[in-house]
């Protein structure tokens, strides 16, 4: 037995719109225009004077006489202040 096919539906399409792509909005980072850049930099603050000849003060308060920055105060919590 052959069932008759249903006639085409005259119902409106679904109410949800089809999405073809998703648009994400990201903040745009633009470089600062040249005319707004500072023309000079403030000089770095002067290192505190150190009469004992140490090159750095560690975060735990000990002084270091290291000749190089690498590894200075590594077992004392790092460098708190560099002396010139």
PDB file of N, CA and C in Angstrom:
ATOM      1  N   UNK A   1       0.825  -1.164   0.000  1.00  0.00           N
ATOM      2  CA  UNK A   1       0.000   0.000   0.000  1.00  0.00           C
ATOM      3  C   UNK A   1       0.888   1.252   0.000  1.00  0.00           C
ATOM      4  N   UNK A   2       0.516   2.225  -0.725  1.00  0.00           N
ATOM      5  CA  UNK A   2       1.273   3.472  -0.865  1.00  0.00           C
ATOM      6  C   UNK A   2       0.570   4.555  -0.068  1.00  0.00           C
ATOM      7  N   UNK A   3       1.364   5.229   0.792  1.00  0.00           N
ATOM      8  CA  UNK A   3       0.806   6.328   1.571  1.00  0.00           C
ATOM      9  C   UNK A   3       0.964   7.617   0.786  1.00  0.00           C
ATOM     10  N   UNK A   4      -0.032   8.416   0.793  1.00  0.00           N
ATOM     11  CA  UNK A   4       0.095   9.677   0.064  1.00  0.00           C
ATOM     12  C   UNK A   4       1.070  10.601   0.791  1.00  0.00           C
ATOM     13  N   UNK A   5       1.860  11.338   0.035  1.00  0.00           N
ATOM     14  CA  UNK A   5       2.808  12.267   0.648  1.00  0.00           C
ATOM     15  C   UNK A   5       2.078  13.499   1.145  1.00  0.00           C
ATOM     16  N   UNK A   6       2.639  14.084   2.180  1.00  0.00           N
ATOM     17  CA  UNK A   6       2.011  15.265   2.767  1.00  0.00           C
ATOM     18  C   UNK A   6       2.230  16.463   1.864  1.00  0.00           C
ATOM     19  N   UNK A   7       1.248  17.339   1.753  1.00  0.00           N
ATOM     20  CA  UNK A   7       1.426  18.531   0.919  1.00  0.00           C
ATOM     21  C   UNK A   7       2.445  19.463   1.575  1.00  0.00           C
ATOM     22  N   UNK A   8       3.130  20.316   0.814  1.00  0.00           N
ATOM     23  CA  UNK A   8       4.116  21.242   1.391  1.00  0.00           C
ATOM     24  C   UNK A   8       3.481  22.107   2.474  1.00  0.00           C
ATOM     25  N   UNK A   9       4.250  22.317   3.533  1.00  0.00           N
ATOM     26  CA  UNK A   9       3.752  23.072   4.676  1.00  0.00           C
ATOM     27  C   UNK A   9       3.743  24.557   4.362  1.00  0.00           C
ATOM     28  N   UNK A  10       2.693  25.220   4.750  1.00  0.00           N
ATOM     29  CA  UNK A  10       2.622  26.656   4.547  1.00  0.00           C
ATOM     30  C   UNK A  10       2.934  27.398   5.849  1.00  0.00           C
ATOM     31  N   UNK A  11       3.484  26.665   6.844  1.00  0.00           N
ATOM     32  CA  UNK A  11       3.817  27.275   8.139  1.00  0.00           C
ATOM     33  C   UNK A  11       5.034  28.175   7.968  1.00  0.00           C
ATOM     34  N   UNK A  12       5.099  29.276   8.730  1.00  0.00           N
ATOM     35  CA  UNK A  12       6.262  30.174   8.621  1.00  0.00           C
ATOM     36  C   UNK A  12       7.515  29.468   9.146  1.00  0.00           C
ATOM     37  N   UNK A  13       8.676  29.899   8.676  1.00  0.00           N
ATOM     38  CA  UNK A  13       9.925  29.296   9.170  1.00  0.00           C
ATOM     39  C   UNK A  13      10.068  29.536  10.664  1.00  0.00           C
ATOM     40  N   UNK A  14      10.975  28.790  11.305  1.00  0.00           N
ATOM     41  CA  UNK A  14      11.143  28.913  12.757  1.00  0.00           C
ATOM     42  C   UNK A  14      11.480  30.348  13.143  1.00  0.00           C
ATOM     43  N   UNK A  15      11.116  30.711  14.360  1.00  0.00           N
ATOM     44  CA  UNK A  15      11.286  32.093  14.791  1.00  0.00           C
ATOM     45  C   UNK A  15      12.732  32.424  15.158  1.00  0.00           C
ATOM     46  N   UNK A  16      13.601  31.421  15.385  1.00  0.00           N
ATOM     47  CA  UNK A  16      14.987  31.718  15.740  1.00  0.00           C
ATOM     48  C   UNK A  16      15.795  32.000  14.480  1.00  0.00           C
ATOM     49  N   UNK A  17      16.578  33.081  14.480  1.00  0.00           N
ATOM     50  CA  UNK A  17      17.358  33.420  13.294  1.00  0.00           C
ATOM     51  C   UNK A  17      18.538  32.462  13.130  1.00  0.00           C
ATOM     52  N   UNK A  18      18.938  32.251  11.907  1.00  0.00           N
ATOM     53  CA  UNK A  18      20.109  31.423  11.650  1.00  0.00           C
ATOM     54  C   UNK A  18      21.359  32.255  11.864  1.00  0.00           C
ATOM     55  N   UNK A  19      22.316  31.666  12.525  1.00  0.00           N
ATOM     56  CA  UNK A  19      23.588  32.359  12.727  1.00  0.00           C
ATOM     57  C   UNK A  19      24.612  31.753  11.789  1.00  0.00           C
ATOM     58  N   UNK A  20      25.253  32.597  11.042  1.00  0.00           N
ATOM     59  CA  UNK A  20      26.253  32.102  10.113  1.00  0.00           C
ATOM     60  C   UNK A  20      27.659  32.244  10.687  1.00  0.00           C
ATOM     61  N   UNK A  21      27.856  33.178  11.584  1.00  0.00           N
ATOM     62  CA  UNK A  21      29.154  33.334  12.241  1.00  0.00           C
ATOM     63  C   UNK A  21      28.965  34.103  13.538  1.00  0.00           C
ATOM     64  N   UNK A  22      29.944  33.992  14.401  1.00  0.00           N
ATOM     65  CA  UNK A  22      29.893  34.677  15.686  1.00  0.00           C
ATOM     66  C   UNK A  22      30.862  35.848  15.644  1.00  0.00           C
ATOM     67  N   UNK A  23      30.417  36.985  16.088  1.00  0.00           N
ATOM     68  CA  UNK A  23      31.249  38.176  16.124  1.00  0.00           C
ATOM     69  C   UNK A  23      31.686  38.396  17.560  1.00  0.00           C
ATOM     70  N   UNK A  24      32.980  38.459  17.767  1.00  0.00           N
ATOM     71  CA  UNK A  24      33.489  38.755  19.103  1.00  0.00           C
ATOM     72  C   UNK A  24      34.105  40.145  19.073  1.00  0.00           C
ATOM     73  N   UNK A  25      33.892  40.865  20.114  1.00  0.00           N
ATOM     74  CA  UNK A  25      34.426  42.224  20.197  1.00  0.00           C
ATOM     75  C   UNK A  25      35.587  42.226  21.166  1.00  0.00           C
ATOM     76  N   UNK A  26      36.721  42.627  20.667  1.00  0.00           N
ATOM     77  CA  UNK A  26      37.921  42.710  21.488  1.00  0.00           C
ATOM     78  C   UNK A  26      38.364  44.163  21.548  1.00  0.00           C
ATOM     79  N   UNK A  27      38.916  44.585  22.674  1.00  0.00           N
ATOM     80  CA  UNK A  27      39.394  45.965  22.739  1.00  0.00           C
ATOM     81  C   UNK A  27      40.559  46.165  21.764  1.00  0.00           C
ATOM     82  N   UNK A  28      40.565  47.296  21.130  1.00  0.00           N
ATOM     83  CA  UNK A  28      41.609  47.608  20.163  1.00  0.00           C
ATOM     84  C   UNK A  28      42.698  48.379  20.879  1.00  0.00           C
ATOM     85  N   UNK A  29      43.925  47.893  20.775  1.00  0.00           N
ATOM     86  CA  UNK A  29      45.056  48.578  21.391  1.00  0.00           C
ATOM     87  C   UNK A  29      45.770  49.360  20.303  1.00  0.00           C
ATOM     88  N   UNK A  30      45.829  50.634  20.495  1.00  0.00           N
ATOM     89  CA  UNK A  30      46.474  51.479  19.500  1.00  0.00           C
ATOM     90  C   UNK A  30      47.696  52.139  20.119  1.00  0.00           C
ATOM     91  N   UNK A  31      48.738  52.346  19.318  1.00  0.00           N
ATOM     92  CA  UNK A  31      49.931  53.005  19.865  1.00  0.00           C
ATOM     93  C   UNK A  31      49.636  54.463  20.221  1.00  0.00           C
ATOM     94  N   UNK A  32      50.351  54.963  21.178  1.00  0.00           N
ATOM     95  CA  UNK A  32      50.201  56.361  21.587  1.00  0.00           C
ATOM     96  C   UNK A  32      50.779  57.238  20.486  1.00  0.00           C
ATOM     97  N   UNK A  33      50.046  58.233  20.034  1.00  0.00           N
ATOM     98  CA  UNK A  33      50.573  59.108  18.990  1.00  0.00           C
ATOM     99  C   UNK A  33      51.877  59.772  19.415  1.00  0.00           C
ATOM    100  N   UNK A  34      52.741  60.033  18.456  1.00  0.00           N
ATOM    101  CA  UNK A  34      54.063  60.582  18.747  1.00  0.00           C
ATOM    102  C   UNK A  34      53.985  61.922  19.461  1.00  0.00           C
ATOM    103  N   UNK A  35      53.011  62.738  19.119  1.00  0.00           N
ATOM    104  CA  UNK A  35      52.935  64.050  19.745  1.00  0.00           C
ATOM    105  C   UNK A  35      52.489  63.973  21.203  1.00  0.00           C
ATOM    106  N   UNK A  36      52.046  62.819  21.666  1.00  0.00           N
ATOM    107  CA  UNK A  36      51.639  62.687  23.073  1.00  0.00           C
ATOM    108  C   UNK A  36      52.654  61.937  23.912  1.00  0.00           C
ATOM    109  N   UNK A  37      53.690  61.434  23.295  1.00  0.00           N
ATOM    110  CA  UNK A  37      54.709  60.711  24.048  1.00  0.00           C
ATOM    111  C   UNK A  37      55.582  61.707  24.798  1.00  0.00           C
ATOM    112  N   UNK A  38      56.028  61.341  26.001  1.00  0.00           N
ATOM    113  CA  UNK A  38      56.922  62.254  26.716  1.00  0.00           C
ATOM    114  C   UNK A  38      58.255  62.365  25.980  1.00  0.00           C
ATOM    115  N   UNK A  39      58.815  63.557  25.969  1.00  0.00           N
ATOM    116  CA  UNK A  39      60.068  63.772  25.258  1.00  0.00           C
ATOM    117  C   UNK A  39      61.277  63.425  26.110  1.00  0.00           C
ATOM    118  N   UNK A  40      61.079  63.306  27.400  1.00  0.00           N
ATOM    119  CA  UNK A  40      62.182  62.951  28.284  1.00  0.00           C
ATOM    120  C   UNK A  40      61.673  62.027  29.381  1.00  0.00           C
ATOM    121  N   UNK A  41      62.562  61.286  29.904  1.00  0.00           N
ATOM    122  CA  UNK A  41      62.197  60.405  31.014  1.00  0.00           C
ATOM    123  C   UNK A  41      62.772  60.978  32.303  1.00  0.00           C
ATOM    124  N   UNK A  42      62.029  60.777  33.352  1.00  0.00           N
ATOM    125  CA  UNK A  42      62.528  61.226  34.645  1.00  0.00           C
ATOM    126  C   UNK A  42      63.725  60.364  35.017  1.00  0.00           C
ATOM    127  N   UNK A  43      64.709  60.973  35.602  1.00  0.00           N
ATOM    128  CA  UNK A  43      65.887  60.198  35.984  1.00  0.00           C
ATOM    129  C   UNK A  43      65.535  59.244  37.116  1.00  0.00           C
ATOM    130  N   UNK A  44      66.210  58.137  37.139  1.00  0.00           N
ATOM    131  CA  UNK A  44      65.965  57.131  38.174  1.00  0.00           C
ATOM    132  C   UNK A  44      66.362  57.708  39.523  1.00  0.00           C
ATOM    133  N   UNK A  45      65.681  57.301  40.562  1.00  0.00           N
ATOM    134  CA  UNK A  45      66.047  57.812  41.880  1.00  0.00           C
ATOM    135  C   UNK A  45      67.456  57.376  42.252  1.00  0.00           C
ATOM    136  N   UNK A  46      68.130  58.218  42.969  1.00  0.00           N
ATOM    137  CA  UNK A  46      69.498  57.939  43.387  1.00  0.00           C
ATOM    138  C   UNK A  46      69.514  56.770  44.359  1.00  0.00           C
ATOM    139  N   UNK A  47      70.493  55.919  44.208  1.00  0.00           N
ATOM    140  CA  UNK A  47      70.643  54.793  45.130  1.00  0.00           C
ATOM    141  C   UNK A  47      71.061  55.345  46.490  1.00  0.00           C
ATOM    142  N   UNK A  48      70.556  54.751  47.552  1.00  0.00           N
ATOM    143  CA  UNK A  48      70.950  55.223  48.872  1.00  0.00           C
ATOM    144  C   UNK A  48      72.453  55.051  49.077  1.00  0.00           C
ATOM    145  N   UNK A  49      73.001  55.944  49.839  1.00  0.00           N
ATOM    146  CA  UNK A  49      74.441  55.842  50.097  1.00  0.00           C
ATOM    147  C   UNK A  49      74.708  54.641  50.988  1.00  0.00           C
ATOM    148  N   UNK A  50      75.866  54.047  50.788  1.00  0.00           N
ATOM    149  CA  UNK A  50      76.227  52.872  51.549  1.00  0.00           C
ATOM    150  C   UNK A  50      77.684  52.989  51.975  1.00  0.00           C
ATOM    151  N   UNK A  51      77.928  53.403  53.193  1.00  0.00           N
ATOM    152  CA  UNK A  51      79.304  53.594  53.647  1.00  0.00           C
ATOM    153  C   UNK A  51      80.069  52.281  53.825  1.00  0.00           C
ATOM    154  N   UNK A  52      79.388  51.143  53.949  1.00  0.00           N
ATOM    155  CA  UNK A  52      80.091  49.881  54.210  1.00  0.00           C
ATOM    156  C   UNK A  52      80.674  49.253  52.945  1.00  0.00           C
ATOM    157  N   UNK A  53      80.311  49.758  51.762  1.00  0.00           N
ATOM    158  CA  UNK A  53      80.856  49.218  50.528  1.00  0.00           C
ATOM    159  C   UNK A  53      80.054  48.060  49.956  1.00  0.00           C
ATOM    160  N   UNK A  54      78.889  47.748  50.530  1.00  0.00           N
ATOM    161  CA  UNK A  54      78.053  46.671  50.013  1.00  0.00           C
ATOM    162  C   UNK A  54      77.455  47.077  48.672  1.00  0.00           C
ATOM    163  N   UNK A  55      77.145  46.089  47.846  1.00  0.00           N
ATOM    164  CA  UNK A  55      76.545  46.384  46.539  1.00  0.00           C
ATOM    165  C   UNK A  55      75.030  46.255  46.563  1.00  0.00           C
ATOM    166  N   UNK A  56      74.478  45.540  47.559  1.00  0.00           N
ATOM    167  CA  UNK A  56      73.030  45.356  47.637  1.00  0.00           C
ATOM    168  C   UNK A  56      72.606  45.062  49.062  1.00  0.00           C
ATOM    169  N   UNK A  57      71.348  45.354  49.336  1.00  0.00           N
ATOM    170  CA  UNK A  57      70.753  44.979  50.619  1.00  0.00           C
ATOM    171  C   UNK A  57      69.666  43.965  50.309  1.00  0.00           C
ATOM    172  N   UNK A  58      69.721  42.818  50.972  1.00  0.00           N
ATOM    173  CA  UNK A  58      68.755  41.752  50.737  1.00  0.00           C
ATOM    174  C   UNK A  58      67.457  42.048  51.475  1.00  0.00           C
ATOM    175  N   UNK A  59      66.376  41.357  51.067  1.00  0.00           N
ATOM    176  CA  UNK A  59      65.070  41.579  51.673  1.00  0.00           C
ATOM    177  C   UNK A  59      65.015  41.174  53.135  1.00  0.00           C
ATOM    178  N   UNK A  60      65.931  40.294  53.561  1.00  0.00           N
ATOM    179  CA  UNK A  60      65.940  39.923  54.979  1.00  0.00           C
ATOM    180  C   UNK A  60      66.835  40.846  55.811  1.00  0.00           C
ATOM    181  N   UNK A  61      67.400  41.883  55.179  1.00  0.00           N
ATOM    182  CA  UNK A  61      68.185  42.880  55.902  1.00  0.00           C
ATOM    183  C   UNK A  61      69.689  42.671  55.827  1.00  0.00           C
ATOM    184  N   UNK A  62      70.169  41.561  55.314  1.00  0.00           N
ATOM    185  CA  UNK A  62      71.607  41.328  55.205  1.00  0.00           C
ATOM    186  C   UNK A  62      72.167  42.117  54.035  1.00  0.00           C
ATOM    187  N   UNK A  63      73.461  42.383  54.071  1.00  0.00           N
ATOM    188  CA  UNK A  63      74.135  43.105  53.001  1.00  0.00           C
ATOM    189  C   UNK A  63      74.866  42.120  52.114  1.00  0.00           C
ATOM    190  N   UNK A  64      74.968  42.451  50.823  1.00  0.00           N
ATOM    191  CA  UNK A  64      75.681  41.611  49.877  1.00  0.00           C
ATOM    192  C   UNK A  64      76.804  42.413  49.259  1.00  0.00           C
ATOM    193  N   UNK A  65      77.925  41.753  49.052  1.00  0.00           N
ATOM    194  CA  UNK A  65      79.080  42.388  48.436  1.00  0.00           C
ATOM    195  C   UNK A  65      79.368  41.747  47.073  1.00  0.00           C
ATOM    196  N   UNK A  66      78.353  41.206  46.455  1.00  0.00           N
ATOM    197  CA  UNK A  66      78.465  40.511  45.180  1.00  0.00           C
ATOM    198  C   UNK A  66      78.939  41.454  44.089  1.00  0.00           C
ATOM    199  N   UNK A  67      79.794  40.937  43.203  1.00  0.00           N
ATOM    200  CA  UNK A  67      80.298  41.732  42.088  1.00  0.00           C
ATOM    201  C   UNK A  67      79.366  41.671  40.877  1.00  0.00           C
ATOM    202  N   UNK A  68      78.430  40.699  40.856  1.00  0.00           N
ATOM    203  CA  UNK A  68      77.513  40.530  39.734  1.00  0.00           C
ATOM    204  C   UNK A  68      76.082  40.458  40.253  1.00  0.00           C
ATOM    205  N   UNK A  69      75.134  40.872  39.436  1.00  0.00           N
ATOM    206  CA  UNK A  69      73.726  40.872  39.844  1.00  0.00           C
ATOM    207  C   UNK A  69      73.152  39.466  39.937  1.00  0.00           C
ATOM    208  N   UNK A  70      73.575  38.578  39.048  1.00  0.00           N
ATOM    209  CA  UNK A  70      72.993  37.238  38.996  1.00  0.00           C
ATOM    210  C   UNK A  70      73.266  36.481  40.290  1.00  0.00           C
ATOM    211  N   UNK A  71      72.215  36.037  40.939  1.00  0.00           N
ATOM    212  CA  UNK A  71      72.333  35.227  42.142  1.00  0.00           C
ATOM    213  C   UNK A  71      72.481  36.009  43.432  1.00  0.00           C
ATOM    214  N   UNK A  72      72.558  37.309  43.337  1.00  0.00           N
ATOM    215  CA  UNK A  72      72.715  38.118  44.547  1.00  0.00           C
ATOM    216  C   UNK A  72      71.491  37.971  45.438  1.00  0.00           C
ATOM    217  N   UNK A  73      71.688  37.683  46.696  1.00  0.00           N
ATOM    218  CA  UNK A  73      70.632  37.539  47.705  1.00  0.00           C
ATOM    219  C   UNK A  73      69.670  36.383  47.396  1.00  0.00           C
ATOM    220  N   UNK A  74      70.124  35.399  46.626  1.00  0.00           N
ATOM    221  CA  UNK A  74      69.220  34.323  46.225  1.00  0.00           C
ATOM    222  C   UNK A  74      68.742  33.484  47.409  1.00  0.00           C
ATOM    223  N   UNK A  75      69.508  33.407  48.464  1.00  0.00           N
ATOM    224  CA  UNK A  75      69.084  32.646  49.648  1.00  0.00           C
ATOM    225  C   UNK A  75      68.570  33.557  50.762  1.00  0.00           C
ATOM    226  N   UNK A  76      68.339  34.815  50.420  1.00  0.00           N
ATOM    227  CA  UNK A  76      67.876  35.788  51.419  1.00  0.00           C
ATOM    228  C   UNK A  76      66.605  36.497  50.978  1.00  0.00           C
ATOM    229  N   UNK A  77      65.860  35.915  50.061  1.00  0.00           N
ATOM    230  CA  UNK A  77      64.583  36.498  49.631  1.00  0.00           C
ATOM    231  C   UNK A  77      64.683  37.472  48.484  1.00  0.00           C
ATOM    232  N   UNK A  78      65.862  37.637  47.894  1.00  0.00           N
ATOM    233  CA  UNK A  78      66.027  38.560  46.778  1.00  0.00           C
ATOM    234  C   UNK A  78      66.572  39.905  47.223  1.00  0.00           C
ATOM    235  N   UNK A  79      66.803  40.760  46.245  1.00  0.00           N
ATOM    236  CA  UNK A  79      67.396  42.067  46.511  1.00  0.00           C
ATOM    237  C   UNK A  79      66.311  43.084  46.830  1.00  0.00           C
ATOM    238  N   UNK A  80      66.495  43.812  47.902  1.00  0.00           N
ATOM    239  CA  UNK A  80      65.564  44.890  48.268  1.00  0.00           C
ATOM    240  C   UNK A  80      66.061  46.205  47.670  1.00  0.00           C
ATOM    241  N   UNK A  81      67.365  46.477  47.774  1.00  0.00           N
ATOM    242  CA  UNK A  81      67.950  47.746  47.308  1.00  0.00           C
ATOM    243  C   UNK A  81      69.293  47.449  46.649  1.00  0.00           C
ATOM    244  N   UNK A  82      69.502  48.008  45.470  1.00  0.00           N
ATOM    245  CA  UNK A  82      70.819  47.956  44.843  1.00  0.00           C
ATOM    246  C   UNK A  82      71.564  49.231  45.179  1.00  0.00           C
ATOM    247  N   UNK A  83      72.796  49.108  45.581  1.00  0.00           N
ATOM    248  CA  UNK A  83      73.652  50.277  45.811  1.00  0.00           C
ATOM    249  C   UNK A  83      74.550  50.453  44.603  1.00  0.00           C
ATOM    250  N   UNK A  84      74.887  51.695  44.324  1.00  0.00           N
ATOM    251  CA  UNK A  84      75.767  51.952  43.181  1.00  0.00           C
ATOM    252  C   UNK A  84      77.190  51.675  43.515  1.00  0.00           C
TER     253      UNK A  84
END
